[in-house]
Amino acid sequence: MKLSETPKTTAQEALDYLEEAWAYYCPVRVVPDLDKREPELFEYANAA
């Protein structure tokens, strides 16, 4: 196969592929929900 016969990718397609691939390397940051967390051990003593 000659170099001139390779399929061409548009710039937008390349950016779309890059964005999709980059998503695997950038984990979504999870913010803990403070209302649903387990109380600390000392908080149990102060609750009563």
PDB file of N, CA and C in Angstrom:
ATOM      1  N   MET A   1       0.853  -1.179   0.000  1.00  0.00           N
ATOM      2  CA  MET A   1       0.000   0.000   0.000  1.00  0.00           C
ATOM      3  C   MET A   1       0.892   1.233   0.000  1.00  0.00           C
ATOM      4  N   LYS A   2       0.601   2.131  -0.896  1.00  0.00           N
ATOM      5  CA  LYS A   2       1.367   3.362  -1.017  1.00  0.00           C
ATOM      6  C   LYS A   2       0.857   4.393  -0.020  1.00  0.00           C
ATOM      7  N   LEU A   3       1.708   5.335   0.323  1.00  0.00           N
ATOM      8  CA  LEU A   3       1.346   6.380   1.269  1.00  0.00           C
ATOM      9  C   LEU A   3       0.171   7.207   0.759  1.00  0.00           C
ATOM     10  N   SER A   4       0.103   7.411  -0.530  1.00  0.00           N
ATOM     11  CA  SER A   4      -0.988   8.210  -1.104  1.00  0.00           C
ATOM     12  C   SER A   4      -2.326   7.472  -1.062  1.00  0.00           C
ATOM     13  N   GLU A   5      -2.313   6.164  -0.812  1.00  0.00           N
ATOM     14  CA  GLU A   5      -3.545   5.381  -0.781  1.00  0.00           C
ATOM     15  C   GLU A   5      -4.135   5.252   0.627  1.00  0.00           C
ATOM     16  N   THR A   6      -3.473   5.789   1.629  1.00  0.00           N
ATOM     17  CA  THR A   6      -3.990   5.678   2.992  1.00  0.00           C
ATOM     18  C   THR A   6      -5.218   6.565   3.154  1.00  0.00           C
ATOM     19  N   PRO A   7      -6.201   6.113   3.916  1.00  0.00           N
ATOM     20  CA  PRO A   7      -7.395   6.941   4.102  1.00  0.00           C
ATOM     21  C   PRO A   7      -7.057   8.202   4.890  1.00  0.00           C
ATOM     22  N   LYS A   8      -7.705   9.278   4.550  1.00  0.00           N
ATOM     23  CA  LYS A   8      -7.473  10.565   5.206  1.00  0.00           C
ATOM     24  C   LYS A   8      -8.469  10.747   6.347  1.00  0.00           C
ATOM     25  N   THR A   9      -8.016  11.380   7.404  1.00  0.00           N
ATOM     26  CA  THR A   9      -8.861  11.702   8.547  1.00  0.00           C
ATOM     27  C   THR A   9      -8.952  13.214   8.633  1.00  0.00           C
ATOM     28  N   THR A  10     -10.163  13.722   8.785  1.00  0.00           N
ATOM     29  CA  THR A  10     -10.319  15.171   8.909  1.00  0.00           C
ATOM     30  C   THR A  10      -9.837  15.614  10.280  1.00  0.00           C
ATOM     31  N   ALA A  11      -9.597  16.890  10.404  1.00  0.00           N
ATOM     32  CA  ALA A  11      -9.142  17.441  11.678  1.00  0.00           C
ATOM     33  C   ALA A  11     -10.184  17.223  12.769  1.00  0.00           C
ATOM     34  N   GLN A  12     -11.455  17.381  12.431  1.00  0.00           N
ATOM     35  CA  GLN A  12     -12.517  17.190  13.427  1.00  0.00           C
ATOM     36  C   GLN A  12     -12.588  15.744  13.884  1.00  0.00           C
ATOM     37  N   GLU A  13     -12.433  14.795  12.956  1.00  0.00           N
ATOM     38  CA  GLU A  13     -12.425  13.380  13.331  1.00  0.00           C
ATOM     39  C   GLU A  13     -11.250  13.082  14.258  1.00  0.00           C
ATOM     40  N   ALA A  14     -10.103  13.654  13.954  1.00  0.00           N
ATOM     41  CA  ALA A  14      -8.921  13.434  14.785  1.00  0.00           C
ATOM     42  C   ALA A  14      -9.137  13.984  16.188  1.00  0.00           C
ATOM     43  N   LEU A  15      -9.745  15.157  16.279  1.00  0.00           N
ATOM     44  CA  LEU A  15     -10.032  15.727  17.596  1.00  0.00           C
ATOM     45  C   LEU A  15     -11.034  14.884  18.367  1.00  0.00           C
ATOM     46  N   ASP A  16     -12.025  14.353  17.671  1.00  0.00           N
ATOM     47  CA  ASP A  16     -13.016  13.484  18.317  1.00  0.00           C
ATOM     48  C   ASP A  16     -12.350  12.216  18.857  1.00  0.00           C
ATOM     49  N   TYR A  17     -11.472  11.617  18.043  1.00  0.00           N
ATOM     50  CA  TYR A  17     -10.755  10.426  18.506  1.00  0.00           C
ATOM     51  C   TYR A  17      -9.864  10.746  19.690  1.00  0.00           C
ATOM     52  N   LEU A  18      -9.200  11.884  19.652  1.00  0.00           N
ATOM     53  CA  LEU A  18      -8.317  12.284  20.741  1.00  0.00           C
ATOM     54  C   LEU A  18      -9.104  12.512  22.027  1.00  0.00           C
ATOM     55  N   GLU A  19     -10.250  13.169  21.913  1.00  0.00           N
ATOM     56  CA  GLU A  19     -11.083  13.420  23.091  1.00  0.00           C
ATOM     57  C   GLU A  19     -11.588  12.109  23.694  1.00  0.00           C
ATOM     58  N   GLU A  20     -11.979  11.176  22.842  1.00  0.00           N
ATOM     59  CA  GLU A  20     -12.458   9.876  23.313  1.00  0.00           C
ATOM     60  C   GLU A  20     -11.335   9.098  24.009  1.00  0.00           C
ATOM     61  N   ALA A  21     -10.157   9.123  23.421  1.00  0.00           N
ATOM     62  CA  ALA A  21      -9.026   8.410  24.016  1.00  0.00           C
ATOM     63  C   ALA A  21      -8.590   9.073  25.315  1.00  0.00           C
ATOM     64  N   TRP A  22      -8.628  10.399  25.366  1.00  0.00           N
ATOM     65  CA  TRP A  22      -8.180  11.124  26.558  1.00  0.00           C
ATOM     66  C   TRP A  22      -9.104  10.850  27.742  1.00  0.00           C
ATOM     67  N   ALA A  23     -10.359  10.534  27.474  1.00  0.00           N
ATOM     68  CA  ALA A  23     -11.311  10.252  28.547  1.00  0.00           C
ATOM     69  C   ALA A  23     -10.871   9.045  29.367  1.00  0.00           C
ATOM     70  N   TYR A  24     -10.129   8.120  28.782  1.00  0.00           N
ATOM     71  CA  TYR A  24      -9.652   6.960  29.515  1.00  0.00           C
ATOM     72  C   TYR A  24      -8.535   7.327  30.487  1.00  0.00           C
ATOM     73  N   TYR A  25      -7.826   8.408  30.221  1.00  0.00           N
ATOM     74  CA  TYR A  25      -6.707   8.819  31.063  1.00  0.00           C
ATOM     75  C   TYR A  25      -7.103   9.836  32.117  1.00  0.00           C
ATOM     76  N   CYS A  26      -8.248  10.451  31.983  1.00  0.00           N
ATOM     77  CA  CYS A  26      -8.710  11.471  32.928  1.00  0.00           C
ATOM     78  C   CYS A  26      -9.929  10.946  33.673  1.00  0.00           C
ATOM     79  N   PRO A  27      -9.727  10.400  34.862  1.00  0.00           N
ATOM     80  CA  PRO A  27     -10.891   9.891  35.599  1.00  0.00           C
ATOM     81  C   PRO A  27     -11.807  11.035  36.032  1.00  0.00           C
ATOM     82  N   VAL A  28     -13.072  10.742  36.115  1.00  0.00           N
ATOM     83  CA  VAL A  28     -14.047  11.724  36.566  1.00  0.00           C
ATOM     84  C   VAL A  28     -13.865  11.901  38.068  1.00  0.00           C
ATOM     85  N   ARG A  29     -13.720  13.131  38.478  1.00  0.00           N
ATOM     86  CA  ARG A  29     -13.518  13.406  39.897  1.00  0.00           C
ATOM     87  C   ARG A  29     -14.847  13.247  40.632  1.00  0.00           C
ATOM     88  N   VAL A  30     -14.853  12.412  41.649  1.00  0.00           N
ATOM     89  CA  VAL A  30     -16.064  12.145  42.418  1.00  0.00           C
ATOM     90  C   VAL A  30     -16.015  12.974  43.697  1.00  0.00           C
ATOM     91  N   VAL A  31     -17.037  13.793  43.886  1.00  0.00           N
ATOM     92  CA  VAL A  31     -17.132  14.616  45.088  1.00  0.00           C
ATOM     93  C   VAL A  31     -18.020  13.863  46.076  1.00  0.00           C
ATOM     94  N   PRO A  32     -17.499  13.564  47.263  1.00  0.00           N
ATOM     95  CA  PRO A  32     -18.322  12.809  48.222  1.00  0.00           C
ATOM     96  C   PRO A  32     -19.518  13.629  48.692  1.00  0.00           C
ATOM     97  N   ASP A  33     -20.633  12.950  48.866  1.00  0.00           N
ATOM     98  CA  ASP A  33     -21.840  13.580  49.377  1.00  0.00           C
ATOM     99  C   ASP A  33     -21.751  13.565  50.903  1.00  0.00           C
ATOM    100  N   LEU A  34     -21.628  14.726  51.502  1.00  0.00           N
ATOM    101  CA  LEU A  34     -21.385  14.806  52.944  1.00  0.00           C
ATOM    102  C   LEU A  34     -22.591  14.367  53.766  1.00  0.00           C
ATOM    103  N   ASP A  35     -23.797  14.438  53.199  1.00  0.00           N
ATOM    104  CA  ASP A  35     -24.989  14.032  53.940  1.00  0.00           C
ATOM    105  C   ASP A  35     -25.104  12.516  54.054  1.00  0.00           C
ATOM    106  N   LYS A  36     -24.494  11.782  53.138  1.00  0.00           N
ATOM    107  CA  LYS A  36     -24.652  10.331  53.109  1.00  0.00           C
ATOM    108  C   LYS A  36     -23.413   9.596  53.622  1.00  0.00           C
ATOM    109  N   ARG A  37     -22.496  10.298  54.220  1.00  0.00           N
ATOM    110  CA  ARG A  37     -21.265   9.645  54.678  1.00  0.00           C
ATOM    111  C   ARG A  37     -21.484   8.983  56.036  1.00  0.00           C
ATOM    112  N   GLU A  38     -20.592   8.054  56.342  1.00  0.00           N
ATOM    113  CA  GLU A  38     -20.626   7.413  57.652  1.00  0.00           C
ATOM    114  C   GLU A  38     -20.095   8.393  58.695  1.00  0.00           C
ATOM    115  N   PRO A  39     -20.750   8.510  59.843  1.00  0.00           N
ATOM    116  CA  PRO A  39     -20.224   9.389  60.889  1.00  0.00           C
ATOM    117  C   PRO A  39     -18.902   8.845  61.436  1.00  0.00           C
ATOM    118  N   GLU A  40     -18.052   9.749  61.842  1.00  0.00           N
ATOM    119  CA  GLU A  40     -16.805   9.338  62.481  1.00  0.00           C
ATOM    120  C   GLU A  40     -17.118   8.735  63.848  1.00  0.00           C
ATOM    121  N   LEU A  41     -16.194   7.981  64.390  1.00  0.00           N
ATOM    122  CA  LEU A  41     -16.414   7.286  65.644  1.00  0.00           C
ATOM    123  C   LEU A  41     -16.730   8.265  66.775  1.00  0.00           C
ATOM    124  N   PHE A  42     -16.029   9.401  66.837  1.00  0.00           N
ATOM    125  CA  PHE A  42     -16.279  10.361  67.911  1.00  0.00           C
ATOM    126  C   PHE A  42     -17.635  11.039  67.753  1.00  0.00           C
ATOM    127  N   GLU A  43     -18.198  11.069  66.536  1.00  0.00           N
ATOM    128  CA  GLU A  43     -19.502  11.692  66.327  1.00  0.00           C
ATOM    129  C   GLU A  43     -20.621  10.836  66.921  1.00  0.00           C
ATOM    130  N   TYR A  44     -20.426   9.526  66.996  1.00  0.00           N
ATOM    131  CA  TYR A  44     -21.432   8.675  67.629  1.00  0.00           C
ATOM    132  C   TYR A  44     -21.584   9.031  69.101  1.00  0.00           C
ATOM    133  N   ALA A  45     -20.482   9.294  69.770  1.00  0.00           N
ATOM    134  CA  ALA A  45     -20.522   9.614  71.197  1.00  0.00           C
ATOM    135  C   ALA A  45     -21.217  10.961  71.432  1.00  0.00           C
ATOM    136  N   ASN A  46     -21.043  11.912  70.549  1.00  0.00           N
ATOM    137  CA  ASN A  46     -21.636  13.231  70.718  1.00  0.00           C
ATOM    138  C   ASN A  46     -23.110  13.271  70.301  1.00  0.00           C
ATOM    139  N   ALA A  47     -23.603  12.255  69.614  1.00  0.00           N
ATOM    140  CA  ALA A  47     -24.978  12.253  69.123  1.00  0.00           C
ATOM    141  C   ALA A  47     -25.994  12.028  70.237  1.00  0.00           C
ATOM    142  N   ALA A  48     -25.601  11.372  71.302  1.00  0.00           N
ATOM    143  CA  ALA A  48     -26.557  11.024  72.361  1.00  0.00           C
ATOM    144  C   ALA A  48     -26.800  12.122  73.341  1.00  0.00           C
TER     145      ALA A  48
END
